[in-house]
C-alpha atoms as a PDB file:
ATOM      1  CA  MET A   1     136.597 115.537  70.186  1.00  0.00           C
ATOM      2  CA  THR A   2     138.659 112.371  70.009  1.00  0.00           C
ATOM      3  CA  SER A   3     141.900 112.124  68.102  1.00  0.00           C
ATOM      4  CA  GLY A   4     141.549 110.731  64.590  1.00  0.00           C
ATOM      5  CA  ASN A   5     142.930 107.309  65.459  1.00  0.00           C
ATOM      6  CA  LEU A   6     140.845 106.913  68.615  1.00  0.00           C
ATOM      7  CA  HIS A   7     137.740 108.067  66.782  1.00  0.00           C
ATOM      8  CA  ASN A   8     138.222 105.700  63.846  1.00  0.00           C
ATOM      9  CA  ASP A   9     139.314 102.770  66.003  1.00  0.00           C
ATOM     10  CA  SER A  10     136.216 103.187  68.141  1.00  0.00           C
ATOM     11  CA  ILE A  11     133.946 103.170  65.116  1.00  0.00           C
ATOM     12  CA  LYS A  12     135.703 100.037  63.871  1.00  0.00           C
ATOM     13  CA  GLU A  13     135.177  98.359  67.264  1.00  0.00           C
ATOM     14  CA  LEU A  14     131.438  98.958  67.076  1.00  0.00           C
ATOM     15  CA  ILE A  15     131.220  97.783  63.468  1.00  0.00           C
ATOM     16  CA  GLU A  16     133.098  94.586  64.346  1.00  0.00           C
ATOM     17  CA  ALA A  17     130.590  94.080  67.180  1.00  0.00           C
ATOM     18  CA  GLY A  18     127.819  93.991  64.570  1.00  0.00           C
ATOM     19  CA  ILE A  19     126.586  97.582  64.691  1.00  0.00           C
ATOM     20  CA  ASP A  20     125.716  99.168  61.355  1.00  0.00           C
ATOM     21  CA  LYS A  21     128.415 101.524  60.065  1.00  0.00           C
ATOM     22  CA  ASP A  22     126.234 104.640  60.061  1.00  0.00           C
ATOM     23  CA  ASP A  23     124.865 103.791  63.513  1.00  0.00           C
ATOM     24  CA  ALA A  24     128.401 103.211  64.775  1.00  0.00           C
ATOM     25  CA  ARG A  25     129.506 106.639  63.591  1.00  0.00           C
ATOM     26  CA  PHE A  26     126.474 108.249  65.209  1.00  0.00           C
ATOM     27  CA  ASP A  27     127.048 106.369  68.481  1.00  0.00           C
ATOM     28  CA  ILE A  28     130.681 107.442  68.653  1.00  0.00           C
ATOM     29  CA  GLU A  29     129.755 111.066  68.066  1.00  0.00           C
ATOM     30  CA  LEU A  30     127.409 110.897  71.054  1.00  0.00           C
ATOM     31  CA  LEU A  31     129.876 108.954  73.177  1.00  0.00           C
ATOM     32  CA  GLU A  32     132.433 111.689  72.626  1.00  0.00           C
ATOM     33  CA  ASP A  33     130.441 113.677  75.182  1.00  0.00           C
ATOM     34  CA  LEU A  34     131.927 111.285  77.741  1.00  0.00           C
ATOM     35  CA  LEU A  35     135.404 112.218  76.552  1.00  0.00           C
ATOM     36  CA  VAL A  36     134.661 115.910  77.002  1.00  0.00           C
ATOM     37  CA  LYS A  37     132.983 115.505  80.399  1.00  0.00           C
ATOM     38  CA  GLN A  38     134.879 112.601  81.989  1.00  0.00           C
ATOM     39  CA  GLY A  39     138.020 111.891  79.995  1.00  0.00           C
ATOM     40  CA  GLU A  40     139.424 109.213  77.715  1.00  0.00           C
ATOM     41  CA  ASP A  41     139.007 106.309  80.165  1.00  0.00           C
ATOM     42  CA  ALA A  42     135.285 106.992  80.457  1.00  0.00           C
ATOM     43  CA  PHE A  43     135.008 107.242  76.676  1.00  0.00           C
ATOM     44  CA  ARG A  44     136.806 103.935  76.119  1.00  0.00           C
ATOM     45  CA  ALA A  45     134.647 102.257  78.748  1.00  0.00           C
ATOM     46  CA  GLY A  46     131.552 103.615  77.036  1.00  0.00           C
ATOM     47  CA  VAL A  47     132.657 102.264  73.681  1.00  0.00           C
ATOM     48  CA  THR A  48     133.244  98.839  75.230  1.00  0.00           C
ATOM     49  CA  ARG A  49     129.813  98.835  76.856  1.00  0.00           C
ATOM     50  CA  ARG A  50     128.182  99.800  73.569  1.00  0.00           C
ATOM     51  CA  ALA A  51     130.105  97.103  71.702  1.00  0.00           C
ATOM     52  CA  GLN A  52     128.758  94.584  74.203  1.00  0.00           C
ATOM     53  CA  GLY A  53     125.232  95.650  73.276  1.00  0.00           C
ATOM     54  CA  GLU A  54     124.266  97.969  76.112  1.00  0.00           C
ATOM     55  CA  PRO A  55     121.811 100.687  75.016  1.00  0.00           C
ATOM     56  CA  LEU A  56     123.449 104.033  74.382  1.00  0.00           C
ATOM     57  CA  ALA A  57     120.980 105.821  76.661  1.00  0.00           C
ATOM     58  CA  TYR A  58     122.171 103.806  79.670  1.00  0.00           C
ATOM     59  CA  ILE A  59     125.800 104.614  78.915  1.00  0.00           C
ATOM     60  CA  LEU A  60     125.160 108.332  78.473  1.00  0.00           C
ATOM     61  CA  GLY A  61     122.605 108.436  81.263  1.00  0.00           C
ATOM     62  CA  GLU A  62     120.099 110.417  79.213  1.00  0.00           C
ATOM     63  CA  ARG A  63     117.868 110.443  76.157  1.00  0.00           C
ATOM     64  CA  ALA A  64     116.249 113.237  74.185  1.00  0.00           C
ATOM     65  CA  PHE A  65     112.471 112.925  73.973  1.00  0.00           C
ATOM     66  CA  TYR A  66     109.993 115.398  72.488  1.00  0.00           C
ATOM     67  CA  LYS A  67     111.386 118.798  73.542  1.00  0.00           C
ATOM     68  CA  ASP A  68     113.500 117.835  76.557  1.00  0.00           C
ATOM     69  CA  VAL A  69     116.346 115.556  77.641  1.00  0.00           C
ATOM     70  CA  PHE A  70     115.474 112.986  80.286  1.00  0.00           C
ATOM     71  CA  LYS A  71     117.578 111.039  82.734  1.00  0.00           C
ATOM     72  CA  VAL A  72     117.708 107.329  81.856  1.00  0.00           C
ATOM     73  CA  VAL A  73     119.140 104.578  84.057  1.00  0.00           C
ATOM     74  CA  PRO A  74     119.495 100.811  83.636  1.00  0.00           C
ATOM     75  CA  GLY A  75     116.279  99.159  84.721  1.00  0.00           C
ATOM     76  CA  VAL A  76     114.010 101.757  83.082  1.00  0.00           C
ATOM     77  CA  LEU A  77     112.580 101.546  79.576  1.00  0.00           C
ATOM     78  CA  VAL A  78     114.490 103.756  77.143  1.00  0.00           C
ATOM     79  CA  PRO A  79     112.195 106.433  75.604  1.00  0.00           C
ATOM     80  CA  ARG A  80     111.473 105.902  71.897  1.00  0.00           C
ATOM     81  CA  ASN A  81     110.734 108.437  69.202  1.00  0.00           C
ATOM     82  CA  ASP A  82     107.548 106.553  68.268  1.00  0.00           C
ATOM     83  CA  THR A  83     106.158 107.267  71.741  1.00  0.00           C
ATOM     84  CA  GLU A  84     106.161 110.993  70.965  1.00  0.00           C
ATOM     85  CA  LEU A  85     102.972 110.256  69.003  1.00  0.00           C
ATOM     86  CA  LEU A  86     101.236 109.560  72.321  1.00  0.00           C
ATOM     87  CA  VAL A  87     102.332 112.979  73.596  1.00  0.00           C
ATOM     88  CA  GLU A  88     101.095 114.659  70.419  1.00  0.00           C
ATOM     89  CA  THR A  89      97.767 112.831  70.703  1.00  0.00           C
ATOM     90  CA  ALA A  90      97.257 114.167  74.219  1.00  0.00           C
ATOM     91  CA  LEU A  91      98.261 117.688  73.235  1.00  0.00           C
ATOM     92  CA  ARG A  92      95.953 117.638  70.214  1.00  0.00           C
ATOM     93  CA  PHE A  93      93.070 116.562  72.443  1.00  0.00           C
ATOM     94  CA  MET A  94      93.849 119.476  74.757  1.00  0.00           C
ATOM     95  CA  GLY A  95      94.022 121.933  71.872  1.00  0.00           C
ATOM     96  CA  LEU A  96      97.714 122.601  72.476  1.00  0.00           C
ATOM     97  CA  LEU A  97      99.301 121.163  69.320  1.00  0.00           C
ATOM     98  CA  ASP A  98      99.935 124.026  66.930  1.00  0.00           C
ATOM     99  CA  PHE A  99     100.620 122.044  63.772  1.00  0.00           C
ATOM    100  CA  PRO A 100      99.130 118.533  63.935  1.00  0.00           C
ATOM    101  CA  MET A 101     100.555 116.275  61.261  1.00  0.00           C
ATOM    102  CA  GLY A 102      99.700 112.818  59.993  1.00  0.00           C
ATOM    103  CA  ASP A 103      97.043 110.884  61.854  1.00  0.00           C
ATOM    104  CA  VAL A 104      97.214 113.219  64.863  1.00  0.00           C
ATOM    105  CA  ALA A 105      95.195 115.719  62.832  1.00  0.00           C
ATOM    106  CA  LYS A 106      92.291 113.234  63.020  1.00  0.00           C
ATOM    107  CA  VAL A 107      92.031 113.651  66.796  1.00  0.00           C
ATOM    108  CA  THR A 108      89.138 115.883  67.796  1.00  0.00           C
ATOM    109  CA  VAL A 109      89.958 118.614  70.280  1.00  0.00           C
ATOM    110  CA  GLY A 110      88.265 117.860  73.572  1.00  0.00           C
ATOM    111  CA  ASP A 111      86.260 119.984  75.962  1.00  0.00           C
ATOM    112  CA  VAL A 112      89.216 121.043  78.096  1.00  0.00           C
ATOM    113  CA  THR A 113      89.333 124.505  79.638  1.00  0.00           C
ATOM    114  CA  ASP A 114      92.238 126.411  81.208  1.00  0.00           C
ATOM    115  CA  GLY A 115      93.245 123.747  83.710  1.00  0.00           C
ATOM    116  CA  PHE A 116      93.260 120.001  83.286  1.00  0.00           C
ATOM    117  CA  THR A 117      94.143 116.806  85.088  1.00  0.00           C
ATOM    118  CA  ALA A 118      96.308 114.132  83.460  1.00  0.00           C
ATOM    119  CA  ILE A 119      97.425 110.668  84.564  1.00  0.00           C
ATOM    120  CA  ASP A 120     100.374 108.786  83.051  1.00  0.00           C
ATOM    121  CA  LEU A 121     100.273 105.056  83.823  1.00  0.00           C
ATOM    122  CA  CYS A 122     103.440 102.905  83.569  1.00  0.00           C
ATOM    123  CA  THR A 123     105.415 106.127  83.394  1.00  0.00           C
ATOM    124  CA  GLY A 124     108.988 104.769  83.323  1.00  0.00           C
ATOM    125  CA  THR A 125     111.266 107.799  83.040  1.00  0.00           C
ATOM    126  CA  GLY A 126     108.253 110.104  83.199  1.00  0.00           C
ATOM    127  CA  CYS A 127     108.934 111.395  79.699  1.00  0.00           C
ATOM    128  CA  ILE A 128     105.313 111.200  78.537  1.00  0.00           C
ATOM    129  CA  GLY A 129     103.637 112.888  81.496  1.00  0.00           C
ATOM    130  CA  ILE A 130     106.337 115.532  81.864  1.00  0.00           C
ATOM    131  CA  SER A 131     106.322 116.354  78.142  1.00  0.00           C
ATOM    132  CA  ILE A 132     102.552 116.870  78.227  1.00  0.00           C
ATOM    133  CA  ALA A 133     102.769 119.009  81.355  1.00  0.00           C
ATOM    134  CA  ASN A 134     105.667 121.099  80.041  1.00  0.00           C
ATOM    135  CA  GLU A 135     103.929 121.880  76.790  1.00  0.00           C
ATOM    136  CA  ALA A 136     100.744 122.849  78.625  1.00  0.00           C
ATOM    137  CA  VAL A 137     102.661 125.205  80.904  1.00  0.00           C
ATOM    138  CA  SER A 138     104.464 126.729  77.926  1.00  0.00           C
ATOM    139  CA  LYS A 139     101.029 127.544  76.451  1.00  0.00           C
ATOM    140  CA  GLY A 140      99.900 129.227  79.663  1.00  0.00           C
ATOM    141  CA  LYS A 141      97.647 126.408  80.876  1.00  0.00           C
ATOM    142  CA  SER A 142      97.480 125.088  84.425  1.00  0.00           C
ATOM    143  CA  VAL A 143      98.002 121.371  84.781  1.00  0.00           C
ATOM    144  CA  LYS A 144      97.871 118.708  87.456  1.00  0.00           C
ATOM    145  CA  THR A 145      99.774 115.587  86.455  1.00  0.00           C
ATOM    146  CA  THR A 146     100.167 112.265  88.245  1.00  0.00           C
ATOM    147  CA  MET A 147     102.708 109.720  86.973  1.00  0.00           C
ATOM    148  CA  CYS A 148     102.547 106.114  88.188  1.00  0.00           C
ATOM    149  CA  ASP A 149     104.733 103.039  88.100  1.00  0.00           C
ATOM    150  CA  LEU A 150     105.383  99.921  90.153  1.00  0.00           C
ATOM    151  CA  SER A 151     109.141  99.641  89.592  1.00  0.00           C
ATOM    152  CA  PRO A 152     111.236 101.308  92.344  1.00  0.00           C
ATOM    153  CA  VAL A 153     113.927 102.092  89.770  1.00  0.00           C
ATOM    154  CA  ALA A 154     111.417 103.740  87.456  1.00  0.00           C
ATOM    155  CA  LEU A 155     109.842 105.703  90.300  1.00  0.00           C
ATOM    156  CA  SER A 156     113.233 107.057  91.353  1.00  0.00           C
ATOM    157  CA  CYS A 157     114.145 107.989  87.787  1.00  0.00           C
ATOM    158  CA  ALA A 158     110.755 109.619  87.161  1.00  0.00           C
ATOM    159  CA  GLN A 159     111.070 111.600  90.385  1.00  0.00           C
ATOM    160  CA  ASP A 160     114.503 112.866  89.353  1.00  0.00           C
ATOM    161  CA  ASN A 161     113.116 113.965  85.992  1.00  0.00           C
ATOM    162  CA  ALA A 162     110.124 115.555  87.694  1.00  0.00           C
ATOM    163  CA  SER A 163     112.536 117.553  89.852  1.00  0.00           C
ATOM    164  CA  THR A 164     114.867 118.646  87.057  1.00  0.00           C
ATOM    165  CA  VAL A 165     112.875 118.666  83.792  1.00  0.00           C
ATOM    166  CA  ALA A 166     109.256 119.371  84.720  1.00  0.00           C
ATOM    167  CA  LYS A 167     108.162 123.004  84.510  1.00  0.00           C
ATOM    168  CA  ALA A 168     105.210 122.424  86.837  1.00  0.00           C
ATOM    169  CA  PRO A 169     104.726 120.278  89.942  1.00  0.00           C
ATOM    170  CA  VAL A 170     104.281 116.640  88.938  1.00  0.00           C
ATOM    171  CA  GLN A 171     103.281 113.908  91.377  1.00  0.00           C
ATOM    172  CA  VAL A 172     105.085 110.576  91.121  1.00  0.00           C
ATOM    173  CA  LYS A 173     103.219 107.718  92.731  1.00  0.00           C
ATOM    174  CA  GLU A 174     103.819 104.005  93.272  1.00  0.00           C
ATOM    175  CA  PHE A 175     100.863 102.210  91.738  1.00  0.00           C
ATOM    176  CA  ASP A 176      99.920  98.735  90.503  1.00  0.00           C
ATOM    177  CA  VAL A 177      98.201  99.339  87.169  1.00  0.00           C
ATOM    178  CA  LEU A 178      96.775  95.817  87.025  1.00  0.00           C
ATOM    179  CA  ASN A 179      95.389  95.606  90.545  1.00  0.00           C
ATOM    180  CA  GLY A 180      95.387  99.082  92.084  1.00  0.00           C
ATOM    181  CA  ASP A 181      92.466 101.300  93.081  1.00  0.00           C
ATOM    182  CA  TYR A 182      92.336 103.928  90.347  1.00  0.00           C
ATOM    183  CA  SER A 183      90.194 106.248  92.447  1.00  0.00           C
ATOM    184  CA  THR A 184      93.304 106.992  94.545  1.00  0.00           C
ATOM    185  CA  LEU A 185      95.013 108.586  91.543  1.00  0.00           C
ATOM    186  CA  VAL A 186      92.870 111.685  91.200  1.00  0.00           C
ATOM    187  CA  GLU A 187      90.716 114.026  93.212  1.00  0.00           C
ATOM    188  CA  GLY A 188      87.509 114.071  91.239  1.00  0.00           C
ATOM    189  CA  GLU A 189      88.002 112.998  87.636  1.00  0.00           C
ATOM    190  CA  ALA A 190      90.738 113.102  84.994  1.00  0.00           C
ATOM    191  CA  ASP A 191      90.593 114.887  81.661  1.00  0.00           C
ATOM    192  CA  ILE A 192      93.074 112.531  80.077  1.00  0.00           C
ATOM    193  CA  ILE A 193      94.791 109.238  80.876  1.00  0.00           C
ATOM    194  CA  VAL A 194      97.776 108.066  78.842  1.00  0.00           C
ATOM    195  CA  SER A 195      99.894 104.939  79.028  1.00  0.00           C
ATOM    196  CA  ASN A 196     102.682 103.113  77.255  1.00  0.00           C
ATOM    197  CA  PRO A 197     102.308  99.799  79.098  1.00  0.00           C
ATOM    198  CA  PRO A 198     104.104  96.491  78.555  1.00  0.00           C
ATOM    199  CA  TYR A 199     102.736  94.796  75.430  1.00  0.00           C
ATOM    200  CA  ILE A 200     105.354  92.363  74.106  1.00  0.00           C
ATOM    201  CA  THR A 201     104.310  88.710  73.919  1.00  0.00           C
ATOM    202  CA  ASP A 202     106.577  85.834  74.976  1.00  0.00           C
ATOM    203  CA  GLU A 203     107.163  84.962  71.318  1.00  0.00           C
ATOM    204  CA  GLU A 204     107.967  88.563  70.381  1.00  0.00           C
ATOM    205  CA  MET A 205     110.425  88.857  73.274  1.00  0.00           C
ATOM    206  CA  GLU A 206     112.665  86.322  71.552  1.00  0.00           C
ATOM    207  CA  GLU A 207     112.673  88.405  68.375  1.00  0.00           C
ATOM    208  CA  LEU A 208     113.616  91.729  69.979  1.00  0.00           C
ATOM    209  CA  PRO A 209     117.017  93.292  69.228  1.00  0.00           C
ATOM    210  CA  TYR A 210     119.810  92.113  71.502  1.00  0.00           C
ATOM    211  CA  ASP A 211     120.209  95.446  73.286  1.00  0.00           C
ATOM    212  CA  VAL A 212     116.501  95.554  74.136  1.00  0.00           C
ATOM    213  CA  LYS A 213     115.987  91.914  75.103  1.00  0.00           C
ATOM    214  CA  ASN A 214     119.110  91.614  77.209  1.00  0.00           C
ATOM    215  CA  TYR A 215     119.302  95.043  78.830  1.00  0.00           C
ATOM    216  CA  GLU A 216     115.913  96.732  79.104  1.00  0.00           C
ATOM    217  CA  PRO A 217     113.585  95.663  81.945  1.00  0.00           C
ATOM    218  CA  ASP A 218     111.407  92.667  81.258  1.00  0.00           C
ATOM    219  CA  MET A 219     108.605  94.050  83.428  1.00  0.00           C
ATOM    220  CA  ALA A 220     108.366  97.108  81.175  1.00  0.00           C
ATOM    221  CA  LEU A 221     108.212  95.019  78.009  1.00  0.00           C
ATOM    222  CA  ARG A 222     106.453  91.676  78.506  1.00  0.00           C
ATOM    223  CA  ALA A 223     102.705  91.274  78.969  1.00  0.00           C
ATOM    224  CA  ALA A 224     100.490  88.216  79.347  1.00  0.00           C
ATOM    225  CA  ASP A 225      97.260  87.444  77.482  1.00  0.00           C
ATOM    226  CA  ASN A 226      98.857  87.775  74.063  1.00  0.00           C
ATOM    227  CA  GLY A 227     100.287  91.157  75.047  1.00  0.00           C
ATOM    228  CA  LEU A 228      96.865  92.606  75.927  1.00  0.00           C
ATOM    229  CA  GLU A 229      96.836  92.154  79.723  1.00  0.00           C
ATOM    230  CA  PHE A 230      97.415  95.806  80.579  1.00  0.00           C
ATOM    231  CA  TYR A 231      94.975  97.213  78.013  1.00  0.00           C
ATOM    232  CA  LYS A 232      92.133  95.185  79.467  1.00  0.00           C
ATOM    233  CA  ALA A 233      92.862  96.401  82.986  1.00  0.00           C
ATOM    234  CA  ILE A 234      93.463 100.021  82.016  1.00  0.00           C
ATOM    235  CA  ALA A 235      90.397 100.335  79.778  1.00  0.00           C
ATOM    236  CA  ALA A 236      88.114  98.925  82.471  1.00  0.00           C
ATOM    237  CA  LYS A 237      89.549 100.746  85.467  1.00  0.00           C
ATOM    238  CA  ALA A 238      90.163 104.114  83.798  1.00  0.00           C
ATOM    239  CA  MET A 239      86.563 104.609  82.738  1.00  0.00           C
ATOM    240  CA  PRO A 240      85.164 105.449  86.215  1.00  0.00           C
ATOM    241  CA  ILE A 241      87.793 108.144  86.877  1.00  0.00           C
ATOM    242  CA  LEU A 242      87.542 109.868  83.488  1.00  0.00           C
ATOM    243  CA  LYS A 243      85.424 112.956  83.087  1.00  0.00           C
ATOM    244  CA  ASN A 244      82.579 112.739  80.609  1.00  0.00           C
ATOM    245  CA  THR A 245      84.166 113.308  77.162  1.00  0.00           C
ATOM    246  CA  GLY A 246      87.596 112.611  78.738  1.00  0.00           C
ATOM    247  CA  MET A 247      90.112 110.608  76.727  1.00  0.00           C
ATOM    248  CA  LEU A 248      92.123 107.426  77.270  1.00  0.00           C
ATOM    249  CA  ALA A 249      95.057 107.016  74.877  1.00  0.00           C
ATOM    250  CA  VAL A 250      97.553 104.130  74.850  1.00  0.00           C
ATOM    251  CA  GLU A 251     100.567 103.083  72.861  1.00  0.00           C
ATOM    252  CA  HIS A 252     100.647  99.502  71.557  1.00  0.00           C
ATOM    253  CA  GLY A 253     102.406  97.198  69.121  1.00  0.00           C
ATOM    254  CA  TYR A 254     101.918  97.548  65.380  1.00  0.00           C
ATOM    255  CA  LEU A 255      99.791  94.375  65.211  1.00  0.00           C
ATOM    256  CA  GLN A 256      97.581  95.189  68.205  1.00  0.00           C
ATOM    257  CA  GLY A 257      95.450  98.073  66.965  1.00  0.00           C
ATOM    258  CA  GLU A 258      92.342  96.033  66.180  1.00  0.00           C
ATOM    259  CA  ALA A 259      92.509  94.096  69.453  1.00  0.00           C
ATOM    260  CA  VAL A 260      92.900  97.300  71.513  1.00  0.00           C
ATOM    261  CA  ARG A 261      89.987  98.931  69.669  1.00  0.00           C
ATOM    262  CA  ASP A 262      87.847  95.901  70.509  1.00  0.00           C
ATOM    263  CA  ILE A 263      88.825  96.162  74.195  1.00  0.00           C
ATOM    264  CA  PHE A 264      87.918  99.859  74.241  1.00  0.00           C
ATOM    265  CA  ALA A 265      84.585  99.156  72.568  1.00  0.00           C
ATOM    266  CA  GLN A 266      83.730  96.397  75.041  1.00  0.00           C
ATOM    267  CA  GLU A 267      84.300  98.850  77.913  1.00  0.00           C
ATOM    268  CA  GLY A 268      81.994 101.472  76.411  1.00  0.00           C
ATOM    269  CA  TYR A 269      84.416 104.025  74.956  1.00  0.00           C
ATOM    270  CA  ILE A 270      83.259 106.043  71.961  1.00  0.00           C
ATOM    271  CA  ASP A 271      85.032 107.775  69.056  1.00  0.00           C
ATOM    272  CA  ILE A 272      87.653 105.025  69.127  1.00  0.00           C
ATOM    273  CA  LEU A 273      90.528 105.670  66.757  1.00  0.00           C
ATOM    274  CA  THR A 274      93.902 104.082  66.013  1.00  0.00           C
ATOM    275  CA  LEU A 275      96.691 106.385  64.826  1.00  0.00           C
ATOM    276  CA  LYS A 276      99.654 105.381  62.721  1.00  0.00           C
ATOM    277  CA  ASP A 277     103.122 106.592  63.627  1.00  0.00           C
ATOM    278  CA  TYR A 278     105.305 108.389  61.106  1.00  0.00           C
ATOM    279  CA  GLY A 279     106.620 105.033  59.925  1.00  0.00           C
ATOM    280  CA  GLY A 280     103.112 104.001  58.886  1.00  0.00           C
ATOM    281  CA  ASN A 281     102.522 101.512  61.732  1.00  0.00           C
ATOM    282  CA  ASP A 282      99.550 101.377  64.092  1.00  0.00           C
ATOM    283  CA  ARG A 283     100.893 102.927  67.307  1.00  0.00           C
ATOM    284  CA  VAL A 284      98.289 104.725  69.453  1.00  0.00           C
ATOM    285  CA  THR A 285      94.629 103.961  70.121  1.00  0.00           C
ATOM    286  CA  LEU A 286      92.322 106.419  71.837  1.00  0.00           C
ATOM    287  CA  GLY A 287      88.759 106.484  73.026  1.00  0.00           C
ATOM    288  CA  ARG A 288      86.471 108.873  74.882  1.00  0.00           C
ATOM    289  CA  LYS A 289      84.084 108.461  77.760  1.00  0.00           C
ATOM    290  CA  MET A 290      80.541 109.192  76.686  1.00  0.00           C
END
């Protein structure tokens, strides 16, 4: 722990930088890990970086997500709590979510047996695909998971997390979600495909918080065609590699649920459903192959 003066002065520095008082206290408590592990100089440097607006996950080099802690590096999207809904949706579909809550309880359990094949598109840190795989393994199920991204930084980070966090072998693959050949992602067909792709419009980019807009990777945030570019490509190209009754589930912005449902319907998906996150916002849309 820091001394009283250093602790309080650090909180004051963050508050003066425009960070909410409660958030500043929370940030300093987490940054004190740097003091314990690396010493006072590292702690002070971390406080300065946070005061300048850098995301806390980049400074600490990690972020808790679902049931694990994942490596996070600058240049990779920071995992969000809201994205855990996408993990829960997949697990509910696979019959592996013990206590579904909220809208996740509306998801019908699919026809998935002991083993299954999952694909995570635009994987970033790999937190979604690895969380799904880890939970499946913990329930005694066999799993084959492929995680894809185009960013070299993301691929490296995902591979590190696959090596240190994953409880089962996970394949990390360079792949262009917009233009790639989806048949190269799976031998046979996939039970489930998940994705948290870029979906922020040019206008919305200007309204993002400073630490997101100025530090997190643009290629993981911004999407053309009113933010729908990736959903159109994924919905069309995922269909041929899904098993019959297999599920596609994607995260999207809180204003995009209707548009994503329309895209899914145009591509022939059935049982299309949009789930609200625990803040009451549209967050995940899913559909099944007939």
